Amino acid sequence: MSPKKAADEEHDDEEMDYEEFEGTEEETLEDSGGDDSSVSGIEVTDLPGVGPAIGKRLAESGYKNVEAIAVASPGELAAAGSIGETTATKIIKAAREMLDIGFETADLLLERRRTAGRISTGSKALDELFGGGIETQSITEMYGSFRSGKTQMAHQLCVNIQRLPEDGGLNAKAIYVDTEGTFRPERLVDMAEAYGMDSAKVLKNVVWARAYNSDHQILLCDQAMEMATEHNAKLLVVDSVTSHFRAEYTGRGTLAARQQKLNKHLHHLQRGAEINNMAVYITNQVMSRPDAFFGDPTAPVGGHVLAHVPQTRCYLRKSKGERRICRLVDSPNLPEGEAVFTVLKEGIRDV
């Protein structure tokens, strides 16, 4: 081969688009599973630098629409698409410009927040405490000791989400990630029959998965966010969010790694809740503070990392008989307060 011909071929390689190395012309977005329509009507392959091959890898990693790409970090997108961080940064910037993500006036934000749905808890007192029910586009955390009603509330929400909006539901499905093995479909049947609902249909509208470790839990939650639009799911339950983290990371030496991993997991849940207009309900375990000589020694697990992420945080505690007390500990727009409810065979009800 002559030196001139070799130089020409090398020059051609430099000018060749990187997409040509990633796949063949026959690859299409349909083949990649990227046919999920974007909320904005913009397809992922409309972004500069994203062709069928990269679009396929992004779709397989859960980035099926422009909205998901716009709120991603360059490191995450680079790993998902097997591209450089510089390229990922350009793609994210283009996505944000297409969606016009930036500053906006408060009246526009208020109008968008009105699209958030509310899920009834089954108790009028609790619904009033939450300003109308469990809100979508945000995370609601319930922490308390065993038998305080956290899991019963999760089951009730899985049933109520399927009811019509005028009955306190969103006419949608629920996804349940079970980390403690406490999910019981029999409870769904009891609660559905109490409302006169078809129990067989209710069971089919709840998608359940058991998480066996923290990595599996994170994977299942990521898959749940991918399934949300396809299955019309408006509720994701994680019961409980800290169980595996608490069991796997023991001792002060692993605390930093645990908190960093938990923090990233929670932020992924928050991002998915906003993108999919979804309610994320998480339960949390508690610990006892032996140095607390006055007041309630019960404290939630997870520390400040967990405390900062959920928009609504509640403390559940047992009372006499089947009565439970829910205290609203933290919310950006709701006042602190308490509500008393009871747990019956029919589900969550007012006293």
Protein backbone atom coordinates (compact mmCIF):
# COMPACT_ATOMS: atom_id res chain seq x y z
CA MET A 1 0.00 0.00 0.00
CA SER A 2 1.39 3.41 -0.96
CA PRO A 3 2.03 6.02 1.76
CA LYS A 4 -0.45 8.39 0.08
CA LYS A 5 -3.25 5.77 0.03
CA ALA A 6 -2.61 4.86 3.68
CA ALA A 7 -2.75 8.51 4.67
CA ASP A 8 -6.04 8.98 2.79
CA GLU A 9 -7.60 5.98 4.57
CA GLU A 10 -6.43 7.28 7.93
CA HIS A 11 -7.94 10.67 7.12
CA ASP A 12 -11.24 9.01 6.18
CA ASP A 13 -11.29 7.17 9.51
CA GLU A 14 -10.88 10.42 11.40
CA GLU A 15 -13.85 12.02 9.63
CA MET A 16 -16.07 8.95 10.02
CA ASP A 17 -18.88 9.47 12.54
CA TYR A 18 -18.52 7.36 15.69
CA GLU A 19 -22.00 5.90 15.15
CA GLU A 20 -20.66 3.95 12.15
CA PHE A 21 -18.50 1.88 14.47
CA GLU A 22 -21.38 1.16 16.82
CA GLY A 23 -23.87 -0.60 14.58
CA THR A 24 -25.08 -1.33 11.08
CA GLU A 25 -27.47 0.65 8.96
CA GLU A 26 -30.12 -1.99 9.52
CA GLU A 27 -30.34 -1.05 13.24
CA THR A 28 -33.40 1.06 13.92
CA LEU A 29 -34.88 2.59 17.02
CA GLU A 30 -37.69 0.07 16.87
CA ASP A 31 -35.15 -2.74 17.15
CA SER A 32 -33.63 -1.08 20.18
CA GLY A 33 -36.83 -0.94 22.14
CA GLY A 34 -36.72 2.85 21.94
CA ASP A 35 -40.18 3.22 20.42
CA ASP A 36 -41.57 4.48 23.72
CA SER A 37 -43.07 7.83 22.82
CA SER A 38 -41.55 10.77 24.64
CA VAL A 39 -43.81 12.93 26.76
CA SER A 40 -42.61 15.96 24.80
CA GLY A 41 -42.99 14.25 21.41
CA ILE A 42 -39.23 14.40 20.84
CA GLU A 43 -37.48 11.10 20.14
CA VAL A 44 -34.11 10.21 21.64
CA THR A 45 -32.57 9.87 18.17
CA ASP A 46 -33.55 13.47 17.44
CA LEU A 47 -30.76 14.55 19.79
CA PRO A 48 -27.49 15.45 18.04
CA GLY A 49 -24.93 12.67 18.35
CA VAL A 50 -27.49 9.97 19.17
CA GLY A 51 -28.00 7.43 16.42
CA PRO A 52 -29.65 4.00 16.44
CA ALA A 53 -26.76 2.21 18.15
CA ILE A 54 -26.37 4.66 21.05
CA GLY A 55 -30.16 4.99 21.21
CA LYS A 56 -30.38 1.23 21.65
CA ARG A 57 -27.90 1.15 24.51
CA LEU A 58 -29.55 4.10 26.24
CA ALA A 59 -32.99 2.48 25.91
CA GLU A 60 -31.67 -0.76 27.36
CA SER A 61 -30.37 1.21 30.36
CA GLY A 62 -33.71 2.92 30.92
CA TYR A 63 -33.14 6.19 29.05
CA LYS A 64 -36.05 5.74 26.67
CA ASN A 65 -37.13 9.37 26.38
CA VAL A 66 -35.61 12.82 26.23
CA GLU A 67 -36.94 13.71 29.69
CA ALA A 68 -34.90 10.95 31.32
CA ILE A 69 -31.76 12.06 29.48
CA ALA A 70 -32.25 15.71 30.38
CA VAL A 71 -32.15 14.98 34.13
CA ALA A 72 -29.29 12.46 33.95
CA SER A 73 -25.72 13.16 34.99
CA PRO A 74 -22.92 12.96 32.38
CA GLY A 75 -21.25 10.07 34.23
CA GLU A 76 -24.41 7.97 34.32
CA LEU A 77 -25.26 8.64 30.67
CA ALA A 78 -21.70 7.94 29.55
CA ALA A 79 -21.75 4.55 31.27
CA ALA A 80 -25.21 3.69 29.91
CA GLY A 81 -24.40 4.60 26.31
CA SER A 82 -20.73 3.50 26.31
CA ILE A 83 -19.71 6.99 25.23
CA GLY A 84 -17.34 9.61 26.55
CA GLU A 85 -18.39 12.07 29.23
CA THR A 86 -17.82 14.99 26.86
CA THR A 87 -20.28 13.49 24.37
CA ALA A 88 -22.73 12.69 27.17
CA THR A 89 -22.54 16.29 28.39
CA LYS A 90 -23.36 17.59 24.90
CA ILE A 91 -26.32 15.19 24.60
CA ILE A 92 -27.71 16.22 28.00
CA LYS A 93 -27.29 19.91 27.14
CA ALA A 94 -29.15 19.42 23.86
CA ALA A 95 -31.96 17.55 25.63
CA ARG A 96 -32.37 20.35 28.16
CA GLU A 97 -32.44 22.97 25.43
CA MET A 98 -35.09 21.02 23.49
CA LEU A 99 -37.27 20.71 26.61
CA ASP A 100 -36.52 24.29 27.67
CA ILE A 101 -35.44 23.18 31.14
CA GLY A 102 -34.29 26.13 33.22
CA PHE A 103 -35.76 28.95 35.22
CA GLU A 104 -39.49 29.61 35.12
CA THR A 105 -41.97 31.74 37.01
CA ALA A 106 -43.79 30.38 40.05
CA ASP A 107 -47.20 30.56 38.36
CA LEU A 108 -46.06 28.04 35.72
CA LEU A 109 -44.74 25.74 38.42
CA LEU A 110 -48.04 26.01 40.29
CA GLU A 111 -49.92 25.07 37.13
CA ARG A 112 -47.70 22.02 36.64
CA ARG A 113 -48.09 20.97 40.25
CA ARG A 114 -51.85 20.90 39.75
CA THR A 115 -51.32 17.88 37.52
CA ALA A 116 -50.12 15.92 40.57
CA GLY A 117 -52.60 13.27 41.67
CA ARG A 118 -53.68 12.24 45.17
CA ILE A 119 -54.22 8.73 46.45
CA SER A 120 -56.62 8.24 49.34
CA THR A 121 -55.34 6.30 52.35
CA GLY A 122 -58.80 5.02 53.26
CA SER A 123 -58.96 7.33 56.29
CA LYS A 124 -60.41 10.84 56.01
CA ALA A 125 -58.31 11.99 58.97
CA LEU A 126 -55.12 10.82 57.25
CA ASP A 127 -56.14 12.32 53.92
CA GLU A 128 -56.67 15.70 55.59
CA LEU A 129 -53.27 15.42 57.25
CA PHE A 130 -51.67 14.81 53.83
CA GLY A 131 -53.62 17.59 52.13
CA GLY A 132 -55.90 15.23 50.22
CA GLY A 133 -53.94 11.99 50.13
CA ILE A 134 -50.54 10.62 49.10
CA GLU A 135 -49.15 12.89 46.38
CA THR A 136 -47.62 11.88 43.08
CA GLN A 137 -44.35 13.39 41.78
CA SER A 138 -42.85 12.96 45.24
CA ILE A 139 -41.64 10.47 47.85
CA THR A 140 -43.64 9.77 51.00
CA GLU A 141 -41.80 8.01 53.82
CA MET A 142 -43.42 6.19 56.73
CA TYR A 143 -41.19 5.08 59.59
CA GLY A 144 -42.13 3.30 62.78
CA SER A 145 -41.61 0.17 64.83
CA PHE A 146 -42.97 -3.25 63.88
CA ARG A 147 -46.76 -3.56 63.75
CA SER A 148 -47.23 0.19 63.45
CA GLY A 149 -49.15 -0.05 60.16
CA LYS A 150 -46.49 0.77 57.54
CA THR A 151 -47.03 -2.36 55.44
CA GLN A 152 -50.81 -2.25 55.90
CA MET A 153 -50.75 1.28 54.49
CA ALA A 154 -48.72 0.03 51.52
CA HIS A 155 -51.30 -2.67 50.77
CA GLN A 156 -54.14 -0.17 51.08
CA LEU A 157 -52.53 2.25 48.64
CA CYS A 158 -52.09 -0.59 46.12
CA VAL A 159 -55.85 -1.10 46.19
CA ASN A 160 -56.89 2.56 46.35
CA ILE A 161 -54.69 3.56 43.39
CA GLN A 162 -56.96 1.42 41.20
CA ARG A 163 -60.14 3.25 42.14
CA LEU A 164 -61.57 6.12 40.10
CA PRO A 165 -60.39 9.69 40.85
CA GLU A 166 -63.73 10.61 42.38
CA ASP A 167 -63.28 7.70 44.80
CA GLY A 168 -59.77 8.68 45.83
CA GLY A 169 -57.77 6.73 43.26
CA LEU A 170 -56.02 7.37 39.94
CA ASN A 171 -57.41 4.41 37.96
CA ALA A 172 -53.87 3.06 37.63
CA LYS A 173 -51.66 0.15 38.62
CA ALA A 174 -49.12 -0.32 41.42
CA ILE A 175 -45.60 -1.77 41.59
CA TYR A 176 -44.48 -3.34 44.87
CA VAL A 177 -40.81 -3.99 45.73
CA ASP A 178 -40.75 -6.26 48.79
CA THR A 179 -37.47 -6.43 50.72
CA GLU A 180 -38.75 -8.09 53.91
CA GLY A 181 -41.09 -10.76 52.58
CA THR A 182 -44.17 -9.11 54.11
CA PHE A 183 -46.30 -8.68 50.98
CA ARG A 184 -49.55 -10.65 51.27
CA PRO A 185 -52.00 -10.77 48.33
CA GLU A 186 -54.65 -12.02 50.77
CA ARG A 187 -54.72 -8.54 52.30
CA LEU A 188 -55.36 -7.03 48.88
CA VAL A 189 -58.35 -9.36 48.51
CA ASP A 190 -59.76 -8.31 51.91
CA MET A 191 -59.36 -4.62 51.12
CA ALA A 192 -60.75 -4.93 47.59
CA GLU A 193 -63.83 -6.83 48.71
CA ALA A 194 -64.51 -4.18 51.35
CA TYR A 195 -64.93 -1.67 48.50
CA GLY A 196 -66.90 -4.10 46.34
CA MET A 197 -64.08 -4.34 43.81
CA ASP A 198 -63.21 -7.37 41.69
CA SER A 199 -60.41 -8.95 43.73
CA ALA A 200 -59.04 -10.91 40.75
CA LYS A 201 -58.66 -7.71 38.74
CA VAL A 202 -57.11 -5.91 41.69
CA LEU A 203 -54.46 -8.63 42.06
CA LYS A 204 -53.58 -8.47 38.36
CA ASN A 205 -53.04 -4.71 38.63
CA VAL A 206 -50.35 -5.04 41.29
CA VAL A 207 -46.90 -6.05 40.01
CA TRP A 208 -44.74 -7.55 42.78
CA ALA A 209 -41.07 -8.47 43.08
CA ARG A 210 -38.94 -9.67 45.99
CA ALA A 211 -35.57 -7.96 46.46
CA TYR A 212 -32.87 -10.15 48.00
CA ASN A 213 -30.11 -7.59 48.50
CA SER A 214 -29.48 -3.87 48.10
CA ASP A 215 -28.16 -4.16 44.53
CA HIS A 216 -31.17 -6.24 43.54
CA GLN A 217 -33.44 -3.67 45.17
CA ILE A 218 -31.87 -0.83 43.18
CA LEU A 219 -32.16 -2.85 39.96
CA LEU A 220 -35.84 -3.62 40.58
CA CYS A 221 -36.63 0.04 41.30
CA ASP A 222 -34.90 1.09 38.09
CA GLN A 223 -36.95 -1.50 36.19
CA ALA A 224 -40.10 -0.24 37.90
CA MET A 225 -39.48 3.26 36.58
CA GLU A 226 -39.03 1.84 33.09
CA MET A 227 -42.31 -0.09 33.42
CA ALA A 228 -44.29 2.84 34.77
CA THR A 229 -45.43 4.36 31.48
CA GLU A 230 -45.97 1.03 29.72
CA HIS A 231 -48.13 -0.40 32.54
CA ASN A 232 -49.82 2.87 33.58
CA ALA A 233 -48.36 2.49 37.07
CA LYS A 234 -48.75 5.54 39.30
CA LEU A 235 -47.54 4.02 42.58
CA LEU A 236 -44.23 2.46 43.54
CA VAL A 237 -43.96 0.86 47.00
CA VAL A 238 -40.57 0.01 48.50
CA ASP A 239 -41.09 -1.89 51.76
CA SER A 240 -38.66 -1.25 53.30
CA VAL A 241 -36.05 0.98 51.73
CA THR A 242 -33.37 0.48 54.40
CA SER A 243 -33.69 -3.21 55.31
CA HIS A 244 -30.95 -4.58 53.05
CA PHE A 245 -28.66 -1.59 53.48
CA ARG A 246 -28.87 -2.05 57.23
CA ALA A 247 -28.09 -5.75 57.02
CA GLU A 248 -25.25 -5.60 54.49
CA TYR A 249 -23.34 -2.57 55.75
CA THR A 250 -22.48 -3.15 59.40
CA GLY A 251 -20.09 -1.17 61.55
CA ARG A 252 -18.83 2.39 61.32
CA GLY A 253 -16.27 1.44 58.68
CA THR A 254 -18.95 0.84 56.04
CA LEU A 255 -21.19 3.77 57.00
CA ALA A 256 -19.90 6.16 54.34
CA ALA A 257 -20.30 3.61 51.53
CA ARG A 258 -23.79 2.70 52.73
CA GLN A 259 -24.98 6.30 52.92
CA GLN A 260 -23.56 7.18 49.52
CA LYS A 261 -25.25 4.19 47.90
CA LEU A 262 -28.54 4.88 49.68
CA ASN A 263 -28.41 8.55 48.70
CA LYS A 264 -27.98 7.70 45.02
CA HIS A 265 -30.83 5.17 45.21
CA LEU A 266 -33.19 7.72 46.75
CA HIS A 267 -32.36 10.35 44.17
CA HIS A 268 -33.12 7.88 41.38
CA LEU A 269 -36.51 7.25 43.00
CA GLN A 270 -37.19 10.97 43.22
CA ARG A 271 -36.22 11.53 39.61
CA GLY A 272 -38.50 8.70 38.48
CA ALA A 273 -41.40 10.03 40.53
CA GLU A 274 -41.17 13.41 38.81
CA ILE A 275 -40.67 12.09 35.28
CA ASN A 276 -43.53 9.54 35.50
CA ASN A 277 -45.91 11.64 37.66
CA MET A 278 -45.75 8.75 40.12
CA ALA A 279 -46.21 8.43 43.88
CA VAL A 280 -43.31 6.69 45.61
CA TYR A 281 -44.20 5.27 49.02
CA ILE A 282 -41.27 3.99 51.08
CA THR A 283 -41.26 2.47 54.54
CA ASN A 284 -38.34 2.78 56.90
CA GLN A 285 -37.18 0.86 59.93
CA VAL A 286 -36.31 2.46 63.24
CA MET A 287 -33.70 2.07 65.95
CA SER A 288 -33.74 2.79 69.66
CA ARG A 289 -31.41 5.40 71.16
CA PRO A 290 -30.17 4.11 74.53
CA ASP A 291 -28.85 7.55 75.46
CA ALA A 292 -32.31 9.18 75.28
CA PHE A 293 -33.42 9.65 78.88
CA PHE A 294 -36.38 11.86 78.02
CA GLY A 295 -38.92 11.65 75.21
CA ASP A 296 -39.34 8.98 72.58
CA PRO A 297 -36.10 7.02 72.05
CA THR A 298 -37.24 5.81 68.61
CA ALA A 299 -35.28 7.21 65.64
CA PRO A 300 -35.51 6.36 61.93
CA VAL A 301 -32.67 4.50 60.20
CA GLY A 302 -30.77 6.23 57.41
CA GLY A 303 -29.68 9.41 59.13
CA HIS A 304 -29.74 12.80 57.46
CA VAL A 305 -29.18 11.31 53.99
CA LEU A 306 -32.58 9.66 54.10
CA ALA A 307 -34.24 12.51 55.99
CA HIS A 308 -33.47 15.11 53.30
CA VAL A 309 -34.88 13.35 50.22
CA PRO A 310 -38.57 12.47 50.87
CA GLN A 311 -40.95 15.41 50.52
CA THR A 312 -43.34 14.01 53.14
CA ARG A 313 -42.07 12.20 56.22
CA CYS A 314 -44.33 10.55 58.81
CA TYR A 315 -43.86 8.72 62.06
CA LEU A 316 -46.26 5.85 62.80
CA ARG A 317 -46.71 4.49 66.30
CA LYS A 318 -49.05 2.07 68.00
CA SER A 319 -51.84 3.09 70.33
CA LYS A 320 -54.55 1.16 72.16
CA GLY A 321 -55.98 -1.86 70.36
CA GLU A 322 -55.88 -1.50 66.61
CA ARG A 323 -55.46 2.25 66.73
CA ARG A 324 -52.43 3.88 65.15
CA ILE A 325 -51.17 7.45 65.32
CA CYS A 326 -49.55 9.09 62.30
CA ARG A 327 -47.48 12.20 62.94
CA LEU A 328 -46.49 14.39 60.00
CA VAL A 329 -42.87 15.19 60.79
CA ASP A 330 -41.73 17.01 57.68
CA SER A 331 -43.34 18.50 54.59
CA PRO A 332 -42.52 21.53 52.42
CA ASN A 333 -46.12 22.75 52.28
CA LEU A 334 -48.11 21.00 55.04
CA PRO A 335 -48.17 21.86 58.74
CA GLU A 336 -47.07 19.38 61.37
CA GLY A 337 -49.92 17.44 62.92
CA GLU A 338 -51.29 14.06 63.95
CA ALA A 339 -54.10 11.80 62.80
CA VAL A 340 -55.55 8.71 64.44
CA PHE A 341 -56.64 5.77 62.33
CA THR A 342 -57.31 2.08 62.78
CA VAL A 343 -56.26 -1.08 60.97
CA LEU A 344 -59.17 -3.49 60.37
CA LYS A 345 -59.66 -6.53 58.18
CA GLU A 346 -61.22 -4.17 55.64
CA GLY A 347 -58.06 -2.03 55.65
CA ILE A 348 -57.13 1.46 56.83
CA ARG A 349 -60.13 3.27 58.28
CA ASP A 350 -61.05 6.14 60.59
CA VAL A 351 -61.52 5.41 64.26
